[in-house]
C-alpha atoms as a PDB file:
ATOM      1  CA  MET A   1      -0.051   0.008  -0.215  1.00  0.00           C
ATOM      2  CA  VAL A   2       0.883   3.520  -0.789  1.00  0.00           C
ATOM      3  CA  ALA A   3       0.767   4.439   2.968  1.00  0.00           C
ATOM      4  CA  ASP A   4       3.410   1.859   3.795  1.00  0.00           C
ATOM      5  CA  ASN A   5       5.997   4.172   1.856  1.00  0.00           C
ATOM      6  CA  PHE A   6       4.744   7.433   4.448  1.00  0.00           C
ATOM      7  CA  SER A   7       4.703   5.356   7.731  1.00  0.00           C
ATOM      8  CA  HIS A   8       7.983   6.965   8.529  1.00  0.00           C
ATOM      9  CA  VAL A   9       7.389  10.639   7.635  1.00  0.00           C
ATOM     10  CA  THR A  10       6.832  13.329   9.626  1.00  0.00           C
ATOM     11  CA  ASP A  11       7.966  16.307   7.750  1.00  0.00           C
ATOM     12  CA  TRP A  12       5.492  17.306   4.818  1.00  0.00           C
ATOM     13  CA  VAL A  13       7.029  19.622   2.461  1.00  0.00           C
ATOM     14  CA  PHE A  14       4.406  21.359  -0.633  1.00  0.00           C
ATOM     15  CA  ASP A  15       5.995  23.588  -3.010  1.00  0.00           C
ATOM     16  CA  LEU A  16       3.275  25.891  -4.229  1.00  0.00           C
ATOM     17  CA  ASP A  17       2.496  26.516  -7.597  1.00  0.00           C
ATOM     18  CA  ASN A  18       0.591  24.444  -9.562  1.00  0.00           C
ATOM     19  CA  THR A  19       0.828  22.147  -6.386  1.00  0.00           C
ATOM     20  CA  LEU A  20      -1.444  22.946  -3.995  1.00  0.00           C
ATOM     21  CA  TYR A  21      -4.003  24.395  -6.670  1.00  0.00           C
ATOM     22  CA  PRO A  22      -4.851  22.838  -9.841  1.00  0.00           C
ATOM     23  CA  PRO A  23      -2.607  23.822 -13.136  1.00  0.00           C
ATOM     24  CA  GLN A  24      -5.683  24.548 -14.367  1.00  0.00           C
ATOM     25  CA  ALA A  25      -5.706  27.582 -12.471  1.00  0.00           C
ATOM     26  CA  ARG A  26      -3.523  29.328 -14.697  1.00  0.00           C
ATOM     27  CA  LEU A  27      -1.341  31.833 -12.454  1.00  0.00           C
ATOM     28  CA  PHE A  28       1.598  30.964 -14.374  1.00  0.00           C
ATOM     29  CA  ASP A  29       0.240  32.336 -17.672  1.00  0.00           C
ATOM     30  CA  GLN A  30      -0.516  35.895 -15.273  1.00  0.00           C
ATOM     31  CA  ILE A  31       3.344  35.258 -13.779  1.00  0.00           C
ATOM     32  CA  GLU A  32       4.790  34.826 -17.090  1.00  0.00           C
ATOM     33  CA  VAL A  33       3.129  37.928 -19.193  1.00  0.00           C
ATOM     34  CA  ARG A  34       4.202  39.770 -16.221  1.00  0.00           C
ATOM     35  CA  MET A  35       7.999  38.522 -16.035  1.00  0.00           C
ATOM     36  CA  THR A  36       8.213  38.966 -20.134  1.00  0.00           C
ATOM     37  CA  ALA A  37       7.226  43.015 -19.195  1.00  0.00           C
ATOM     38  CA  TRP A  38       9.741  43.268 -15.884  1.00  0.00           C
ATOM     39  CA  VAL A  39      12.254  41.596 -18.496  1.00  0.00           C
ATOM     40  CA  THR A  40      11.831  44.354 -21.279  1.00  0.00           C
ATOM     41  CA  GLN A  41      11.620  47.311 -19.402  1.00  0.00           C
ATOM     42  CA  ALA A  42      14.895  46.530 -17.362  1.00  0.00           C
ATOM     43  CA  LEU A  43      16.966  45.140 -19.710  1.00  0.00           C
ATOM     44  CA  GLY A  44      15.573  47.358 -22.666  1.00  0.00           C
ATOM     45  CA  VAL A  45      15.694  44.704 -25.002  1.00  0.00           C
ATOM     46  CA  THR A  46      12.120  43.751 -27.041  1.00  0.00           C
ATOM     47  CA  GLU A  47       9.501  41.693 -25.443  1.00  0.00           C
ATOM     48  CA  THR A  48      10.756  38.340 -27.857  1.00  0.00           C
ATOM     49  CA  LYS A  49      14.136  38.657 -26.672  1.00  0.00           C
ATOM     50  CA  ALA A  50      12.473  39.365 -22.934  1.00  0.00           C
ATOM     51  CA  ASP A  51      10.426  36.368 -23.603  1.00  0.00           C
ATOM     52  CA  GLN A  52      13.573  34.250 -25.330  1.00  0.00           C
ATOM     53  CA  LEU A  53      15.670  35.288 -22.022  1.00  0.00           C
ATOM     54  CA  ARG A  54      12.767  34.291 -19.288  1.00  0.00           C
ATOM     55  CA  ARG A  55      12.687  30.585 -20.495  1.00  0.00           C
ATOM     56  CA  HIS A  56      16.488  30.420 -21.143  1.00  0.00           C
ATOM     57  CA  TYR A  57      17.282  31.891 -17.429  1.00  0.00           C
ATOM     58  CA  TRP A  58      14.424  29.424 -16.145  1.00  0.00           C
ATOM     59  CA  LYS A  59      16.250  26.344 -17.836  1.00  0.00           C
ATOM     60  CA  LYS A  60      19.310  27.318 -17.152  1.00  0.00           C
ATOM     61  CA  TYR A  61      19.593  28.581 -13.582  1.00  0.00           C
ATOM     62  CA  GLY A  62      16.066  27.441 -12.312  1.00  0.00           C
ATOM     63  CA  THR A  63      13.752  30.711 -12.355  1.00  0.00           C
ATOM     64  CA  THR A  64      14.650  33.606 -14.121  1.00  0.00           C
ATOM     65  CA  LEU A  65      15.369  35.578 -10.551  1.00  0.00           C
ATOM     66  CA  ALA A  66      18.059  33.500 -10.802  1.00  0.00           C
ATOM     67  CA  GLY A  67      19.131  34.451 -13.812  1.00  0.00           C
ATOM     68  CA  LEU A  68      18.618  37.760 -13.997  1.00  0.00           C
ATOM     69  CA  MET A  69      20.573  38.184 -10.363  1.00  0.00           C
ATOM     70  CA  GLN A  70      23.561  36.042 -11.968  1.00  0.00           C
ATOM     71  CA  GLU A  71      24.129  37.933 -15.049  1.00  0.00           C
ATOM     72  CA  HIS A  72      22.488  41.239 -14.374  1.00  0.00           C
ATOM     73  CA  GLY A  73      22.745  42.284 -10.981  1.00  0.00           C
ATOM     74  CA  VAL A  74      18.831  42.610 -10.774  1.00  0.00           C
ATOM     75  CA  ASP A  75      17.492  43.715  -6.943  1.00  0.00           C
ATOM     76  CA  PRO A  76      15.238  40.770  -6.184  1.00  0.00           C
ATOM     77  CA  GLY A  77      12.578  42.376  -4.001  1.00  0.00           C
ATOM     78  CA  PRO A  78      10.791  44.742  -6.583  1.00  0.00           C
ATOM     79  CA  TYR A  79      11.050  41.862  -8.960  1.00  0.00           C
ATOM     80  CA  LEU A  80       9.515  39.738  -6.786  1.00  0.00           C
ATOM     81  CA  HIS A  81       6.704  42.218  -5.944  1.00  0.00           C
ATOM     82  CA  ASP A  82       6.144  42.831  -9.256  1.00  0.00           C
ATOM     83  CA  VAL A  83       5.917  39.957 -10.710  1.00  0.00           C
ATOM     84  CA  HIS A  84       3.611  38.192  -8.359  1.00  0.00           C
ATOM     85  CA  GLU A  85       0.770  41.047  -8.064  1.00  0.00           C
ATOM     86  CA  ILE A  86      -1.490  39.155 -10.408  1.00  0.00           C
ATOM     87  CA  ASN A  87      -5.478  38.160  -9.823  1.00  0.00           C
ATOM     88  CA  LEU A  88      -6.167  35.184  -7.538  1.00  0.00           C
ATOM     89  CA  ASP A  89     -10.247  35.673  -7.952  1.00  0.00           C
ATOM     90  CA  HIS A  90     -10.553  32.769  -9.846  1.00  0.00           C
ATOM     91  CA  LEU A  91      -9.150  30.645  -6.975  1.00  0.00           C
ATOM     92  CA  GLN A  92     -11.543  27.883  -5.279  1.00  0.00           C
ATOM     93  CA  VAL A  93     -11.253  27.234  -1.024  1.00  0.00           C
ATOM     94  CA  ASP A  94     -10.703  23.853  -0.703  1.00  0.00           C
ATOM     95  CA  LYS A  95     -12.186  22.273   2.368  1.00  0.00           C
ATOM     96  CA  ALA A  96     -11.190  18.831   0.867  1.00  0.00           C
ATOM     97  CA  LEU A  97      -7.382  19.377   0.999  1.00  0.00           C
ATOM     98  CA  ALA A  98      -7.375  21.473   3.681  1.00  0.00           C
ATOM     99  CA  GLY A  99      -8.653  19.005   5.963  1.00  0.00           C
ATOM    100  CA  ARG A 100      -6.545  16.220   4.772  1.00  0.00           C
ATOM    101  CA  ILE A 101      -3.015  17.954   4.947  1.00  0.00           C
ATOM    102  CA  THR A 102      -4.097  19.112   8.320  1.00  0.00           C
ATOM    103  CA  ASN A 103      -5.024  14.726   9.586  1.00  0.00           C
ATOM    104  CA  LEU A 104      -0.699  14.638   8.086  1.00  0.00           C
ATOM    105  CA  PRO A 105       0.751  13.876  11.075  1.00  0.00           C
ATOM    106  CA  GLY A 106       4.048  15.846  11.881  1.00  0.00           C
ATOM    107  CA  ARG A 107       5.314  19.370  10.451  1.00  0.00           C
ATOM    108  CA  LYS A 108       3.522  20.733   7.234  1.00  0.00           C
ATOM    109  CA  ILE A 109       5.126  23.488   5.717  1.00  0.00           C
ATOM    110  CA  VAL A 110       5.726  25.449   2.117  1.00  0.00           C
ATOM    111  CA  PHE A 111       8.675  26.262   0.226  1.00  0.00           C
ATOM    112  CA  THR A 112       8.359  28.328  -3.365  1.00  0.00           C
ATOM    113  CA  ASN A 113      10.632  29.675  -5.737  1.00  0.00           C
ATOM    114  CA  GLY A 114       8.338  32.629  -5.571  1.00  0.00           C
ATOM    115  CA  SER A 115       7.627  35.036  -2.962  1.00  0.00           C
ATOM    116  CA  ALA A 116       6.404  34.355   0.659  1.00  0.00           C
ATOM    117  CA  PRO A 117       3.862  37.049   0.343  1.00  0.00           C
ATOM    118  CA  TYR A 118       2.611  36.077  -2.983  1.00  0.00           C
ATOM    119  CA  ALA A 119       2.471  32.389  -1.415  1.00  0.00           C
ATOM    120  CA  ALA A 120       0.920  33.728   1.561  1.00  0.00           C
ATOM    121  CA  ARG A 121      -2.445  35.725  -1.068  1.00  0.00           C
ATOM    122  CA  VAL A 122      -2.513  32.032  -3.247  1.00  0.00           C
ATOM    123  CA  LEU A 123      -3.123  29.640   0.442  1.00  0.00           C
ATOM    124  CA  ALA A 124      -5.607  32.387   1.367  1.00  0.00           C
ATOM    125  CA  ALA A 125      -7.456  31.979  -1.063  1.00  0.00           C
ATOM    126  CA  ARG A 126      -7.214  28.434  -1.559  1.00  0.00           C
ATOM    127  CA  GLY A 127      -7.994  28.075   2.301  1.00  0.00           C
ATOM    128  CA  LEU A 128      -5.181  26.148   3.281  1.00  0.00           C
ATOM    129  CA  THR A 129      -3.605  29.142   5.647  1.00  0.00           C
ATOM    130  CA  LYS A 130      -4.099  27.818   9.129  1.00  0.00           C
ATOM    131  CA  VAL A 131      -2.928  23.897   8.022  1.00  0.00           C
ATOM    132  CA  PHE A 132       0.865  24.676   7.279  1.00  0.00           C
ATOM    133  CA  ASP A 133       3.248  25.498  10.282  1.00  0.00           C
ATOM    134  CA  ALA A 134       5.303  27.860   8.158  1.00  0.00           C
ATOM    135  CA  VAL A 135       6.178  28.863   4.771  1.00  0.00           C
ATOM    136  CA  TYR A 136       9.107  29.794   2.950  1.00  0.00           C
ATOM    137  CA  GLY A 137      10.222  31.752  -0.195  1.00  0.00           C
ATOM    138  CA  VAL A 138      12.944  32.228  -2.308  1.00  0.00           C
ATOM    139  CA  GLU A 139      13.785  35.062   0.211  1.00  0.00           C
ATOM    140  CA  HIS A 140      14.192  32.200   2.747  1.00  0.00           C
ATOM    141  CA  ALA A 141      16.814  30.027   1.272  1.00  0.00           C
ATOM    142  CA  ASN A 142      19.112  33.169   0.169  1.00  0.00           C
ATOM    143  CA  PHE A 143      17.018  33.379  -3.694  1.00  0.00           C
ATOM    144  CA  HIS A 144      19.367  30.100  -4.302  1.00  0.00           C
ATOM    145  CA  PRO A 145      16.054  28.557  -6.154  1.00  0.00           C
ATOM    146  CA  LYS A 146      15.114  24.978  -6.863  1.00  0.00           C
ATOM    147  CA  PRO A 147      16.700  23.137  -7.725  1.00  0.00           C
ATOM    148  CA  ASP A 148      19.475  24.314  -6.444  1.00  0.00           C
ATOM    149  CA  ARG A 149      20.228  21.900  -3.667  1.00  0.00           C
ATOM    150  CA  ARG A 150      21.438  24.763  -1.202  1.00  0.00           C
ATOM    151  CA  ALA A 151      18.100  25.954  -1.872  1.00  0.00           C
ATOM    152  CA  PHE A 152      16.761  23.118  -0.208  1.00  0.00           C
ATOM    153  CA  GLU A 153      19.412  22.559   2.724  1.00  0.00           C
ATOM    154  CA  THR A 154      18.974  26.132   3.593  1.00  0.00           C
ATOM    155  CA  VAL A 155      15.547  26.316   4.431  1.00  0.00           C
ATOM    156  CA  PHE A 156      15.426  22.906   5.865  1.00  0.00           C
ATOM    157  CA  ALA A 157      18.351  24.117   8.594  1.00  0.00           C
ATOM    158  CA  THR A 158      15.712  26.994   9.251  1.00  0.00           C
ATOM    159  CA  ASP A 159      13.204  24.720   9.765  1.00  0.00           C
ATOM    160  CA  GLY A 160      14.816  22.087  11.690  1.00  0.00           C
ATOM    161  CA  ILE A 161      13.427  19.380   8.810  1.00  0.00           C
ATOM    162  CA  ASN A 162      14.850  15.965   9.165  1.00  0.00           C
ATOM    163  CA  THR A 163      15.428  14.839   5.465  1.00  0.00           C
ATOM    164  CA  THR A 164      14.992  10.664   6.546  1.00  0.00           C
ATOM    165  CA  THR A 165      11.766  11.755   7.451  1.00  0.00           C
ATOM    166  CA  GLY A 166      10.830  14.135   4.794  1.00  0.00           C
ATOM    167  CA  ALA A 167       8.142  13.836   1.861  1.00  0.00           C
ATOM    168  CA  MET A 168       8.565  16.319  -0.885  1.00  0.00           C
ATOM    169  CA  PHE A 169       5.356  17.466  -3.194  1.00  0.00           C
ATOM    170  CA  GLU A 170       6.367  19.320  -6.212  1.00  0.00           C
ATOM    171  CA  ASP A 171       5.270  19.895  -9.890  1.00  0.00           C
ATOM    172  CA  ASP A 172       8.730  19.919 -11.245  1.00  0.00           C
ATOM    173  CA  PRO A 173      10.429  16.915 -11.998  1.00  0.00           C
ATOM    174  CA  ARG A 174      14.131  18.788 -11.304  1.00  0.00           C
ATOM    175  CA  ASN A 175      13.095  19.992  -7.661  1.00  0.00           C
ATOM    176  CA  LEU A 176      12.805  16.467  -6.479  1.00  0.00           C
ATOM    177  CA  THR A 177      16.292  15.552  -7.132  1.00  0.00           C
ATOM    178  CA  ALA A 178      18.291  17.172  -4.282  1.00  0.00           C
ATOM    179  CA  PRO A 179      14.952  16.179  -2.197  1.00  0.00           C
ATOM    180  CA  HIS A 180      16.020  12.423  -3.003  1.00  0.00           C
ATOM    181  CA  GLN A 181      19.500  12.735  -2.353  1.00  0.00           C
ATOM    182  CA  MET A 182      18.806  13.952   0.836  1.00  0.00           C
ATOM    183  CA  GLY A 183      16.845  11.170   1.572  1.00  0.00           C
ATOM    184  CA  MET A 184      12.849  12.124   1.282  1.00  0.00           C
ATOM    185  CA  ARG A 185      10.127  10.389   0.029  1.00  0.00           C
ATOM    186  CA  THR A 186       9.274  12.012  -3.388  1.00  0.00           C
ATOM    187  CA  VAL A 187       6.398  12.557  -4.986  1.00  0.00           C
ATOM    188  CA  HIS A 188       5.643  14.573  -8.615  1.00  0.00           C
ATOM    189  CA  VAL A 189       2.223  16.139  -8.623  1.00  0.00           C
ATOM    190  CA  ALA A 190       1.283  16.736 -12.583  1.00  0.00           C
ATOM    191  CA  PRO A 191      -0.877  15.137 -14.863  1.00  0.00           C
ATOM    192  CA  ASP A 192       1.585  13.718 -17.030  1.00  0.00           C
ATOM    193  CA  PRO A 193       3.651  10.942 -14.880  1.00  0.00           C
ATOM    194  CA  VAL A 194       8.005  11.607 -15.490  1.00  0.00           C
ATOM    195  CA  ASP A 195      10.120   8.421 -15.318  1.00  0.00           C
ATOM    196  CA  GLN A 196      12.822   8.946 -13.268  1.00  0.00           C
ATOM    197  CA  PRO A 197      14.434   7.046 -10.889  1.00  0.00           C
ATOM    198  CA  HIS A 198      14.527  10.136  -8.194  1.00  0.00           C
ATOM    199  CA  ILE A 199      10.556  10.317  -8.327  1.00  0.00           C
ATOM    200  CA  HIS A 200       9.096   7.716  -6.146  1.00  0.00           C
ATOM    201  CA  HIS A 201       5.480   8.465  -6.403  1.00  0.00           C
ATOM    202  CA  HIS A 202       3.187   9.860  -9.029  1.00  0.00           C
ATOM    203  CA  THR A 203      -0.660  11.969  -8.507  1.00  0.00           C
ATOM    204  CA  ASP A 204      -2.225  14.179 -10.426  1.00  0.00           C
ATOM    205  CA  ASP A 205      -4.511  14.486  -8.069  1.00  0.00           C
ATOM    206  CA  LEU A 206      -2.949  16.052  -4.556  1.00  0.00           C
ATOM    207  CA  SER A 207      -5.832  15.234  -2.134  1.00  0.00           C
ATOM    208  CA  ASN A 208      -7.070  11.986  -3.683  1.00  0.00           C
ATOM    209  CA  PHE A 209      -2.991  10.985  -2.889  1.00  0.00           C
ATOM    210  CA  LEU A 210      -2.921  12.549   0.824  1.00  0.00           C
ATOM    211  CA  ALA A 211      -6.377  10.823   1.694  1.00  0.00           C
ATOM    212  CA  ARG A 212      -5.000   7.606   1.062  1.00  0.00           C
ATOM    213  CA  LEU A 213      -1.589   8.446   3.941  1.00  0.00           C
ATOM    214  CA  THR A 214      -4.756   8.830   6.625  1.00  0.00           C
END
């Protein structure tokens, strides 16, 4: 049974975007538009070039922001604030998911490559604010983004996460590599499974998957 594979877990780590809300919400469509506009203005390039850079930095560094900081010395504060000023009105409260996360034994945290204030807004819109013990954004990882192992090490050390009794839930398979190496149970949350050795489980429905664990 799946639950047997999680019987040792007392530290539960959840990504935010496309993990704690369904990808059909398409929040990243809004964020990507704002990212491209920000890069266009900040670097003085065309919209086409800005979009190319946004994608390139995401692939190379893990996030667009990491590339902007590394190659252009961008101040992350204004960027994070601006790109996350999106409309969340269409997000729905998910009482079932809230209950299932609450029922998990031990400590539950959110760790996102976005900012903590943005994460707090999303969690509020989903009715998940009270189910987590802490919320960490990329600013808490010294702006090292997932999948960089330093990001996980920084946040986990701050929170006191024991990776040998931990589980990580993520929509981006890249971001499960380091948790797997650190001894965590890994769960890929996405519409389509990815066959990679660092992924223990896949689900296209986080709430139903968690229901099988308690």
